[in-house]
Protein backbone atom coordinates (compact mmCIF):
# COMPACT_ATOMS: atom_id res chain seq x y z
CA MET A 1 0.19 0.21 0.02
CA ASN A 2 1.41 3.54 -0.70
CA ARG A 3 0.28 6.45 0.06
CA GLU A 4 -1.88 7.06 -3.74
CA CYS A 5 -4.50 4.55 -2.65
CA LEU A 6 -4.13 5.04 1.18
CA GLU A 7 -7.56 7.55 0.80
CA GLU A 8 -8.89 4.97 -1.59
CA GLY A 9 -8.44 1.54 0.23
CA MET A 10 -9.57 2.63 3.55
CA LEU A 11 -12.69 3.58 1.96
CA CYS A 12 -12.17 -0.09 0.02
CA TYR A 13 -11.88 -1.93 3.11
CA MET A 14 -14.49 0.13 5.58
CA PRO A 15 -17.46 1.46 3.66
CA GLU A 16 -18.92 2.32 6.75
CA LEU A 17 -16.64 4.74 7.03
CA TRP A 18 -18.00 6.42 3.49
CA PRO A 19 -20.73 8.95 5.61
CA ASP A 20 -18.05 10.40 7.93
CA TYR A 21 -16.02 10.46 5.38
CA GLN A 22 -18.05 13.24 3.43
CA SER A 23 -18.94 14.91 6.10
CA TYR A 24 -15.84 15.31 7.07
CA MET A 25 -14.67 16.31 3.48
CA LYS A 26 -18.04 19.14 3.65
CA THR A 27 -16.18 20.85 5.94
CA ARG A 28 -13.65 21.23 3.91
CA THR A 29 -13.92 24.26 1.95
CA LEU A 30 -11.16 25.67 0.66
CA GLU A 31 -7.92 23.24 0.97
CA GLU A 32 -7.46 19.05 0.95
CA PRO A 33 -7.00 17.59 3.86
CA THR A 34 -3.98 15.30 4.52
CA VAL A 35 -4.20 11.64 4.89
CA HIS A 36 -3.11 12.60 8.72
CA GLU A 37 -6.36 14.82 9.30
CA ILE A 38 -8.21 12.65 7.64
CA PHE A 39 -7.24 9.46 9.80
CA GLY A 40 -7.05 11.76 13.13
CA ALA A 41 -10.80 13.41 11.85
CA VAL A 42 -12.57 10.68 10.71
CA VAL A 43 -11.12 7.03 11.48
CA GLY A 44 -9.73 7.70 15.19
CA PRO A 45 -13.13 8.24 16.30
CA PHE A 46 -14.78 6.11 13.98
CA MET A 47 -12.95 3.39 15.35
CA LYS A 48 -12.95 4.48 19.31
CA ALA A 49 -16.82 4.22 19.03
CA ARG A 50 -17.11 0.70 17.73
CA LEU A 51 -14.17 -0.51 19.74
CA TRP A 52 -16.63 -0.72 22.56
CA GLN A 53 -19.70 -2.39 21.11
CA ALA A 54 -20.10 -5.62 20.76
CA ASP A 55 -21.88 -6.27 17.19
CA GLN A 56 -19.02 -4.15 15.51
CA SER A 57 -16.55 -7.25 15.81
CA ASP A 58 -16.38 -7.52 11.88
CA VAL A 59 -15.83 -3.64 11.52
CA ILE A 60 -12.74 -3.83 13.52
CA GLU A 61 -11.28 -7.14 12.51
CA ARG A 62 -11.87 -5.23 8.72
CA LEU A 63 -9.97 -2.04 10.10
CA PHE A 64 -7.30 -3.32 12.22
CA ASP A 65 -6.48 -5.24 8.82
CA PHE A 66 -6.37 -1.87 7.47
CA PHE A 67 -3.92 -1.14 9.62
CA GLU A 68 -1.84 -3.85 9.76
CA ASP A 69 -1.45 -3.48 6.39
CA MET A 70 0.38 0.18 6.81
CA ALA A 71 1.81 -0.88 9.84
CA ALA A 72 3.92 -3.65 7.32
CA SER A 73 4.37 -1.32 4.12
CA PRO A 74 7.74 -0.13 3.35
CA ASP A 75 6.97 3.09 2.33
CA ARG A 76 8.25 4.89 5.59
CA THR A 77 4.60 7.83 5.40
CA MET A 78 2.09 5.07 5.63
CA GLN A 79 3.54 4.30 9.04
CA ASP A 80 3.28 7.70 9.80
CA VAL A 81 -0.22 8.26 9.17
CA LEU A 82 -1.30 5.15 11.14
CA CYS A 83 1.18 6.77 14.73
CA TYR A 84 0.48 9.97 14.05
CA GLY A 85 -2.50 10.53 12.72
CA LEU A 86 -4.32 7.65 15.13
CA LEU A 87 -2.15 5.30 17.73
CA GLU A 88 -1.20 8.83 19.70
CA SER A 89 -4.11 10.17 19.89
CA LEU A 90 -5.49 7.13 21.38
CA SER A 91 -6.22 7.59 25.38
CA GLU A 92 -5.39 5.08 27.91
CA GLU A 93 -8.38 3.30 28.25
CA ASP A 94 -9.01 3.08 24.03
CA TRP A 95 -4.98 1.90 23.54
CA LEU A 96 -5.64 -1.09 25.11
CA ALA A 97 -8.82 -2.64 23.74
CA ALA A 98 -7.26 -1.58 21.09
CA HIS A 99 -4.19 -3.42 21.30
CA ALA A 100 -6.19 -6.56 21.79
CA HIS A 101 -7.21 -6.21 17.96
CA MET A 102 -3.21 -5.00 16.90
CA GLY A 103 -1.25 -7.33 14.68
CA GLU A 104 2.35 -7.33 15.04
CA ALA A 105 3.39 -4.21 12.74
CA THR A 106 0.56 -2.44 14.49
CA ARG A 107 1.81 -3.25 17.65
CA ARG A 108 5.46 -2.37 16.69
CA LEU A 109 5.09 0.79 16.09
CA GLY A 110 2.75 1.07 19.13
CA LYS A 111 5.06 0.91 20.64
CA GLN A 112 7.40 3.34 19.49
CA VAL A 113 4.23 6.24 20.09
CA GLU A 114 4.41 5.07 23.73
CA GLU A 115 8.66 5.07 24.12
CA PHE A 116 7.79 8.33 22.62
CA TRP A 117 5.46 10.24 24.54
CA ARG A 118 7.42 8.56 27.12
CA GLN A 119 10.76 9.40 26.88
CA MET A 120 8.52 13.05 26.58
CA THR A 121 7.25 13.06 30.07
């Protein structure tokens, strides 16, 4: 996966994101948002809301499969979007819930984010 297909891939993996994505894009009148902004404003809230809903296991599984593809990508931009557009915004409670769904590559990136913030405090 590379940057050019990230937005399209995200919506293919998760068609449930489409209404939230469209709503967010309507608020953007002057410039195109960055992929980091889209992840922070659309994907993060979408994921956080579904982490706590038992009937959303299929959606969560697909979402974390997508994150794992991003984390395993040789394109550092994909990893950065995942780290800084999503993982670093998780509360401790959300982090614990999300961690159970993460693949190995996503956990590795998450650990880097944790270590970075630990050094900053």
